[in-house]
Amino acid sequence: MADSHDIPGYEVPFHNSLAEPMTFGGVPRSFALINFIMAAELTLGLGVWWLGIPVGAALHMVAYALTKRDPHFFATLNRHLRQKPYWDA
């Protein structure tokens, strides 16, 4: 008898886009938008371009490295921060 994984006609193509989070510039969209708004506020709103642009670029590079290593890093971090501590440790 054939292996259960080799049944003809029961294959479904699975695309990576269904499992990976949506990114903008290699980082999750929510983080990219918050980072862009913060950098734009520092640069345009306060007129501190020498601080807004490098901080925004540095945060984007760090987030890109973290997302490249684990695409679900920020979702996991968000879930961890919202989890209630049940046990005293």
C-alpha atoms as a PDB file:
ATOM      1  CA  MET A   1       0.000   0.000   0.000  1.00  0.00           C
ATOM      2  CA  ALA A   2       1.277   3.463  -0.840  1.00  0.00           C
ATOM      3  CA  ASP A   3       2.243   5.950   1.810  1.00  0.00           C
ATOM      4  CA  SER A   4      -0.642   8.164   2.981  1.00  0.00           C
ATOM      5  CA  HIS A   5       1.240  11.253   1.795  1.00  0.00           C
ATOM      6  CA  ASP A   6       1.354  10.011  -1.812  1.00  0.00           C
ATOM      7  CA  ILE A   7      -2.370   9.766  -2.598  1.00  0.00           C
ATOM      8  CA  PRO A   8      -2.884  11.097  -6.142  1.00  0.00           C
ATOM      9  CA  GLY A   9      -5.297  13.987  -6.452  1.00  0.00           C
ATOM     10  CA  TYR A  10      -5.016  15.049  -2.819  1.00  0.00           C
ATOM     11  CA  GLU A  11      -2.251  17.620  -3.215  1.00  0.00           C
ATOM     12  CA  VAL A  12      -2.873  21.270  -2.586  1.00  0.00           C
ATOM     13  CA  PRO A  13      -0.278  23.883  -3.515  1.00  0.00           C
ATOM     14  CA  PHE A  14       0.673  25.952  -0.494  1.00  0.00           C
ATOM     15  CA  HIS A  15       2.197  29.356  -1.073  1.00  0.00           C
ATOM     16  CA  ASN A  16       4.594  30.969   1.397  1.00  0.00           C
ATOM     17  CA  SER A  17       2.581  34.178   1.285  1.00  0.00           C
ATOM     18  CA  LEU A  18      -0.139  32.434   3.293  1.00  0.00           C
ATOM     19  CA  ALA A  19       2.211  31.683   6.200  1.00  0.00           C
ATOM     20  CA  GLU A  20       4.471  34.740   6.294  1.00  0.00           C
ATOM     21  CA  PRO A  21       3.330  38.098   7.686  1.00  0.00           C
ATOM     22  CA  MET A  22       2.875  41.051   5.340  1.00  0.00           C
ATOM     23  CA  THR A  23       5.975  43.219   5.349  1.00  0.00           C
ATOM     24  CA  PHE A  24       6.829  46.699   4.181  1.00  0.00           C
ATOM     25  CA  GLY A  25      10.528  47.138   3.455  1.00  0.00           C
ATOM     26  CA  GLY A  26      11.269  43.814   5.129  1.00  0.00           C
ATOM     27  CA  VAL A  27       9.599  44.667   8.455  1.00  0.00           C
ATOM     28  CA  PRO A  28       5.993  44.159   9.581  1.00  0.00           C
ATOM     29  CA  ARG A  29       3.651  46.834   8.269  1.00  0.00           C
ATOM     30  CA  SER A  30       2.544  48.064  11.683  1.00  0.00           C
ATOM     31  CA  PHE A  31       6.130  48.591  12.853  1.00  0.00           C
ATOM     32  CA  ALA A  32       7.102  50.237   9.556  1.00  0.00           C
ATOM     33  CA  LEU A  33       4.218  52.713   9.779  1.00  0.00           C
ATOM     34  CA  ILE A  34       4.937  53.585  13.414  1.00  0.00           C
ATOM     35  CA  ASN A  35       8.642  53.993  12.627  1.00  0.00           C
ATOM     36  CA  PHE A  36       7.920  56.190   9.595  1.00  0.00           C
ATOM     37  CA  ILE A  37       5.484  58.398  11.524  1.00  0.00           C
ATOM     38  CA  MET A  38       7.964  58.803  14.383  1.00  0.00           C
ATOM     39  CA  ALA A  39      10.821  59.673  12.026  1.00  0.00           C
ATOM     40  CA  ALA A  40       8.605  62.078  10.065  1.00  0.00           C
ATOM     41  CA  GLU A  41       7.446  63.747  13.279  1.00  0.00           C
ATOM     42  CA  LEU A  42      11.016  64.266  14.453  1.00  0.00           C
ATOM     43  CA  THR A  43      12.219  65.397  11.037  1.00  0.00           C
ATOM     44  CA  LEU A  44       9.353  67.539   9.760  1.00  0.00           C
ATOM     45  CA  GLY A  45       7.392  68.425  12.876  1.00  0.00           C
ATOM     46  CA  LEU A  46      10.190  69.291  15.242  1.00  0.00           C
ATOM     47  CA  GLY A  47      12.792  70.134  12.606  1.00  0.00           C
ATOM     48  CA  VAL A  48      15.372  67.801  14.114  1.00  0.00           C
ATOM     49  CA  TRP A  49      16.402  66.100  10.867  1.00  0.00           C
ATOM     50  CA  TRP A  50      19.828  65.132  12.207  1.00  0.00           C
ATOM     51  CA  LEU A  51      18.077  62.941  14.800  1.00  0.00           C
ATOM     52  CA  GLY A  52      14.906  61.783  13.013  1.00  0.00           C
ATOM     53  CA  ILE A  53      16.470  60.275   9.905  1.00  0.00           C
ATOM     54  CA  PRO A  54      19.299  58.287  11.587  1.00  0.00           C
ATOM     55  CA  VAL A  55      17.055  56.997  14.389  1.00  0.00           C
ATOM     56  CA  GLY A  56      14.389  55.935  11.906  1.00  0.00           C
ATOM     57  CA  ALA A  57      16.959  54.217   9.675  1.00  0.00           C
ATOM     58  CA  ALA A  58      18.636  52.480  12.632  1.00  0.00           C
ATOM     59  CA  LEU A  59      15.326  51.189  14.009  1.00  0.00           C
ATOM     60  CA  HIS A  60      14.371  49.951  10.553  1.00  0.00           C
ATOM     61  CA  MET A  61      17.676  48.081  10.175  1.00  0.00           C
ATOM     62  CA  VAL A  62      17.317  46.446  13.599  1.00  0.00           C
ATOM     63  CA  ALA A  63      13.721  45.452  12.853  1.00  0.00           C
ATOM     64  CA  TYR A  64      14.779  44.112   9.439  1.00  0.00           C
ATOM     65  CA  ALA A  65      17.470  41.924  11.026  1.00  0.00           C
ATOM     66  CA  LEU A  66      15.014  40.593  13.622  1.00  0.00           C
ATOM     67  CA  THR A  67      12.328  39.931  10.999  1.00  0.00           C
ATOM     68  CA  LYS A  68      14.793  38.228   8.669  1.00  0.00           C
ATOM     69  CA  ARG A  69      15.815  35.846  11.448  1.00  0.00           C
ATOM     70  CA  ASP A  70      12.219  35.150  12.548  1.00  0.00           C
ATOM     71  CA  PRO A  71       9.299  36.495  10.459  1.00  0.00           C
ATOM     72  CA  HIS A  72       6.935  36.194  13.441  1.00  0.00           C
ATOM     73  CA  PHE A  73       9.208  37.965  15.946  1.00  0.00           C
ATOM     74  CA  PHE A  74       7.013  41.037  16.478  1.00  0.00           C
ATOM     75  CA  ALA A  75       3.789  39.002  16.678  1.00  0.00           C
ATOM     76  CA  THR A  76       5.416  36.771  19.297  1.00  0.00           C
ATOM     77  CA  LEU A  77       6.770  39.761  21.212  1.00  0.00           C
ATOM     78  CA  ASN A  78       3.355  41.418  21.181  1.00  0.00           C
ATOM     79  CA  ARG A  79       1.690  38.255  22.469  1.00  0.00           C
ATOM     80  CA  HIS A  80       4.338  37.856  25.179  1.00  0.00           C
ATOM     81  CA  LEU A  81       3.934  41.438  26.390  1.00  0.00           C
ATOM     82  CA  ARG A  82       0.139  41.124  26.572  1.00  0.00           C
ATOM     83  CA  GLN A  83       0.154  37.772  28.401  1.00  0.00           C
ATOM     84  CA  LYS A  84      -0.882  38.066  32.025  1.00  0.00           C
ATOM     85  CA  PRO A  85       1.513  36.668  34.615  1.00  0.00           C
ATOM     86  CA  TYR A  86      -0.285  33.849  36.371  1.00  0.00           C
ATOM     87  CA  TRP A  87       2.535  32.537  38.529  1.00  0.00           C
ATOM     88  CA  ASP A  88       4.845  34.437  40.815  1.00  0.00           C
ATOM     89  CA  ALA A  89       8.403  33.804  39.774  1.00  0.00           C
END
